[in-house]
C-alpha cells in the first residue's frame, strides 16, 4: 500500500475507534459528594421509585410531563429497569412548564397512593399534545387509576402533594439544575436527555464509582 493510502487508512481506522469509544463512553457529568443536599435527594421517602429494594446504582430523574426531551428519553428508563435487576429509579416530578405540567405532576403523585404512579407516569409521558385537565384525567383513567379515588386524593392530599413538589423543587435548586430532564446516576449529575446507550454507560460508570461518599 502506498504511503498516502496507508496514512488515509490509518486515519480512518483511528477515527472509527475514537467514534466507538465516544459512543460507549458515559455522558459528561459532575461527580458529587454526599452533601446534605444530595442526601436529601436520595433519602426523600415520598418520591416514587421502582426497581431493586437494595440497588447498587440509584438513578434519580427530575422530569416534567410537557418537556419534549423528557418524553423522548423516558422509555429508556423503563427498559433499563426491565433488564437490570440491581438498579432503582427514583422520580422527581418538577413541573416547570405551566399549569398542564403542574396538574399532570399532581395527578401522578395522587395516583401513587393507589400504587399506580408508574403506569400514570408512563401514560402521561407517552401523551402527545397539550395536557388539559380533561385529558390528564382521561389518561390517568386509561392507565388504570381509579378516577373517583384519584379526584378525592387530589383534594384531600393536596397539602401533602404541595409539600412533595416543594421538596422536589428545592432539591433541584440545591443541585443547581437548569431544567429538565436531569439525572443523578450514582454520584454523577447529568443534565440533558439520555438514550438507552448513554444511560447504560452512565450506570456502568456509577457502578464502578459506587454511591456518593
Protein backbone atom coordinates (compact mmCIF):
# COMPACT_ATOMS: atom_id res chain seq x y z
CA UNK A 1 0.00 0.00 0.00
CA UNK A 2 1.29 3.44 -0.91
CA UNK A 3 2.21 5.79 1.97
CA UNK A 4 -0.66 8.20 1.18
CA UNK A 5 -3.21 5.39 1.14
CA UNK A 6 -1.70 3.90 4.30
CA UNK A 7 -1.99 7.25 6.08
CA UNK A 8 -5.59 7.64 4.95
CA UNK A 9 -6.48 4.11 6.05
CA UNK A 10 -4.81 4.70 9.41
CA UNK A 11 -6.66 7.96 9.90
CA UNK A 12 -9.97 6.30 9.08
CA UNK A 13 -9.23 3.45 11.50
CA UNK A 14 -8.31 5.87 14.27
CA UNK A 15 -11.47 7.86 13.60
CA UNK A 16 -13.63 4.73 13.81
CA UNK A 17 -12.01 3.71 17.10
CA UNK A 18 -12.49 7.20 18.52
CA UNK A 19 -16.13 7.20 17.41
CA UNK A 20 -16.71 3.81 19.04
CA UNK A 21 -15.12 4.99 22.27
CA UNK A 22 -17.31 8.09 22.32
CA UNK A 23 -20.42 6.02 21.63
CA UNK A 24 -19.74 3.68 24.55
CA UNK A 25 -18.43 6.29 26.99
CA UNK A 26 -20.76 7.67 29.64
CA UNK A 27 -22.06 11.21 29.05
CA UNK A 28 -20.35 14.11 30.78
CA UNK A 29 -21.39 14.53 34.37
CA UNK A 30 -20.27 16.23 37.55
CA UNK A 31 -19.29 13.87 40.36
CA UNK A 32 -20.99 14.83 43.61
CA UNK A 33 -20.11 14.10 47.21
CA UNK A 34 -22.69 13.03 49.79
CA UNK A 35 -23.56 16.55 50.93
CA UNK A 36 -26.76 17.24 52.92
CA UNK A 37 -28.40 18.35 49.65
CA UNK A 38 -27.53 15.10 47.88
CA UNK A 39 -28.62 13.07 50.91
CA UNK A 40 -31.98 14.86 50.83
CA UNK A 41 -32.42 13.92 47.17
CA UNK A 42 -31.61 10.27 47.83
CA UNK A 43 -33.50 9.84 51.11
CA UNK A 44 -36.80 11.55 50.34
CA UNK A 45 -39.18 8.65 51.01
CA UNK A 46 -42.10 10.44 49.34
CA UNK A 47 -40.53 10.35 45.87
CA UNK A 48 -41.99 7.50 43.77
CA UNK A 49 -39.49 4.75 42.93
CA UNK A 50 -39.32 1.34 41.26
CA UNK A 51 -36.67 -1.32 40.88
CA UNK A 52 -34.33 -3.04 43.30
CA UNK A 53 -35.01 -2.69 47.02
CA UNK A 54 -31.26 -2.73 47.69
CA UNK A 55 -29.77 -1.33 44.48
CA UNK A 56 -26.11 -0.99 43.64
CA UNK A 57 -26.99 2.02 41.45
CA UNK A 58 -29.75 4.54 42.05
CA UNK A 59 -30.92 6.66 39.13
CA UNK A 60 -32.78 9.83 40.14
CA UNK A 61 -34.60 11.66 37.35
CA UNK A 62 -36.02 15.21 37.51
CA UNK A 63 -38.70 15.48 34.89
CA UNK A 64 -41.68 17.44 33.50
CA UNK A 65 -44.61 15.89 31.58
CA UNK A 66 -44.59 18.63 28.94
CA UNK A 67 -40.83 18.56 28.37
CA UNK A 68 -40.18 17.18 24.84
CA UNK A 69 -36.74 15.80 25.72
CA UNK A 70 -38.15 14.12 28.84
CA UNK A 71 -40.76 12.40 26.68
CA UNK A 72 -38.14 11.10 24.25
CA UNK A 73 -35.78 9.94 26.97
CA UNK A 74 -38.31 8.41 29.38
CA UNK A 75 -38.73 4.96 27.71
CA UNK A 76 -35.01 4.25 28.23
CA UNK A 77 -35.62 4.21 31.99
CA UNK A 78 -38.34 1.56 31.67
CA UNK A 79 -36.09 -0.57 29.51
CA UNK A 80 -33.23 -0.17 31.99
CA UNK A 81 -35.42 -1.38 34.86
CA UNK A 82 -36.55 -4.36 32.76
CA UNK A 83 -33.02 -5.59 32.01
CA UNK A 84 -31.05 -4.55 35.11
CA UNK A 85 -32.30 -6.06 38.40
CA UNK A 86 -29.80 -4.10 40.50
CA UNK A 87 -30.96 -0.58 39.57
CA UNK A 88 -33.54 1.59 41.30
CA UNK A 89 -35.18 4.55 39.55
CA UNK A 90 -36.49 7.46 41.63
CA UNK A 91 -38.76 10.03 40.00
CA UNK A 92 -38.71 13.70 40.95
CA UNK A 93 -41.69 15.47 39.41
CA UNK A 94 -40.56 19.04 38.76
CA UNK A 95 -43.33 20.82 36.83
CA UNK A 96 -41.78 23.94 35.33
CA UNK A 97 -43.75 24.25 32.08
CA UNK A 98 -47.01 25.75 33.24
CA UNK A 99 -50.39 24.66 34.61
CA UNK A 100 -50.61 21.50 32.48
CA UNK A 101 -47.30 20.26 33.84
CA UNK A 102 -48.33 21.08 37.40
CA UNK A 103 -51.68 19.25 37.21
CA UNK A 104 -50.06 16.26 35.49
CA UNK A 105 -47.46 16.01 38.26
CA UNK A 106 -50.14 16.30 40.94
CA UNK A 107 -52.22 13.61 39.24
CA UNK A 108 -49.27 11.23 39.03
CA UNK A 109 -48.45 11.78 42.71
CA UNK A 110 -52.11 11.28 43.67
CA UNK A 111 -52.07 8.01 41.70
CA UNK A 112 -49.06 6.97 43.78
CA UNK A 113 -51.46 6.46 46.72
CA UNK A 114 -53.17 3.76 44.60
CA UNK A 115 -49.89 2.15 43.62
CA UNK A 116 -50.38 3.39 40.05
CA UNK A 117 -47.70 6.06 39.79
CA UNK A 118 -45.52 4.24 37.24
CA UNK A 119 -48.47 3.47 34.96
CA UNK A 120 -49.81 7.02 35.06
CA UNK A 121 -46.31 8.44 34.66
CA UNK A 122 -45.64 6.32 31.57
CA UNK A 123 -49.01 7.22 30.03
CA UNK A 124 -48.53 10.95 30.62
CA UNK A 125 -45.04 10.80 29.14
CA UNK A 126 -46.35 8.96 26.07
CA UNK A 127 -49.13 11.53 25.51
CA UNK A 128 -48.70 13.99 22.67
CA UNK A 129 -50.13 17.47 22.50
CA UNK A 130 -51.39 19.79 25.22
CA UNK A 131 -52.17 18.34 28.63
CA UNK A 132 -55.56 19.80 29.58
CA UNK A 133 -57.35 18.86 32.83
CA UNK A 134 -59.85 16.64 30.98
CA UNK A 135 -57.12 14.92 29.01
CA UNK A 136 -54.96 14.31 32.09
CA UNK A 137 -57.91 12.74 33.90
CA UNK A 138 -58.66 10.52 30.90
CA UNK A 139 -55.02 9.45 30.55
CA UNK A 140 -54.89 8.52 34.25
CA UNK A 141 -58.12 6.54 33.97
CA UNK A 142 -56.89 4.63 30.94
CA UNK A 143 -53.65 3.89 32.81
CA UNK A 144 -55.63 2.08 35.50
CA UNK A 145 -56.11 4.75 38.17
CA UNK A 146 -59.50 4.74 39.89
CA UNK A 147 -60.97 8.10 38.80
CA UNK A 148 -63.20 8.56 41.85
CA UNK A 149 -60.39 7.89 44.31
CA UNK A 150 -57.98 9.98 42.22
CA UNK A 151 -60.27 13.00 42.32
CA UNK A 152 -60.74 12.56 46.06
CA UNK A 153 -57.00 12.20 46.71
CA UNK A 154 -56.23 15.28 44.65
CA UNK A 155 -58.43 17.21 47.09
CA UNK A 156 -57.68 15.55 50.42
CA UNK A 157 -53.96 15.05 49.78
CA UNK A 158 -53.42 18.47 48.19
CA UNK A 159 -51.28 19.72 51.05
CA UNK A 160 -49.07 16.61 51.05
CA UNK A 161 -48.68 16.81 47.26
CA UNK A 162 -47.79 20.50 47.55
CA UNK A 163 -45.11 19.59 50.09
CA UNK A 164 -43.72 16.81 47.87
CA UNK A 165 -43.49 19.06 44.84
CA UNK A 166 -41.94 21.75 47.01
CA UNK A 167 -39.25 19.32 48.17
CA UNK A 168 -38.53 18.29 44.59
CA UNK A 169 -38.22 21.94 43.58
CA UNK A 170 -35.83 22.72 46.44
CA UNK A 171 -33.79 19.61 45.64
CA UNK A 172 -33.49 20.68 42.00
CA UNK A 173 -32.34 24.14 43.04
CA UNK A 174 -29.89 22.72 45.58
CA UNK A 175 -28.25 20.68 42.82
CA UNK A 176 -28.06 23.73 40.56
CA UNK A 177 -30.27 22.22 37.85
CA UNK A 178 -31.03 24.38 34.83
CA UNK A 179 -34.10 22.45 33.68
CA UNK A 180 -35.45 19.03 32.78
CA UNK A 181 -34.50 16.31 32.29
CA UNK A 182 -31.66 15.91 34.76
CA UNK A 183 -30.26 12.73 36.29
CA UNK A 184 -28.30 11.74 39.35
CA UNK A 185 -26.80 8.39 38.36
CA UNK A 186 -24.89 7.09 41.35
CA UNK A 187 -22.62 10.02 42.23
CA UNK A 188 -22.81 11.68 38.76
CA UNK A 189 -25.10 14.62 37.98
CA UNK A 190 -26.02 14.68 34.28
CA UNK A 191 -28.19 17.35 32.65
CA UNK A 192 -29.97 16.57 29.39
CA UNK A 193 -31.74 13.51 27.99
CA UNK A 194 -30.11 10.07 27.91
CA UNK A 195 -30.92 7.39 25.35
CA UNK A 196 -30.52 3.67 26.09
CA UNK A 197 -26.82 3.54 25.29
CA UNK A 198 -25.89 6.70 27.20
CA UNK A 199 -27.98 5.64 30.19
CA UNK A 200 -26.39 2.18 30.28
CA UNK A 201 -22.93 3.72 30.05
CA UNK A 202 -23.76 6.09 32.90
CA UNK A 203 -24.95 3.18 35.05
CA UNK A 204 -21.78 1.20 34.34
CA UNK A 205 -19.64 4.18 35.35
CA UNK A 206 -21.71 4.67 38.52
CA UNK A 207 -21.25 1.01 39.41
CA UNK A 208 -17.51 1.39 39.26
CA UNK A 209 -17.57 4.60 41.32
CA UNK A 210 -20.05 3.49 43.96
CA UNK A 211 -22.69 5.74 45.58
CA UNK A 212 -21.95 9.35 46.60
CA UNK A 213 -19.50 9.45 49.50
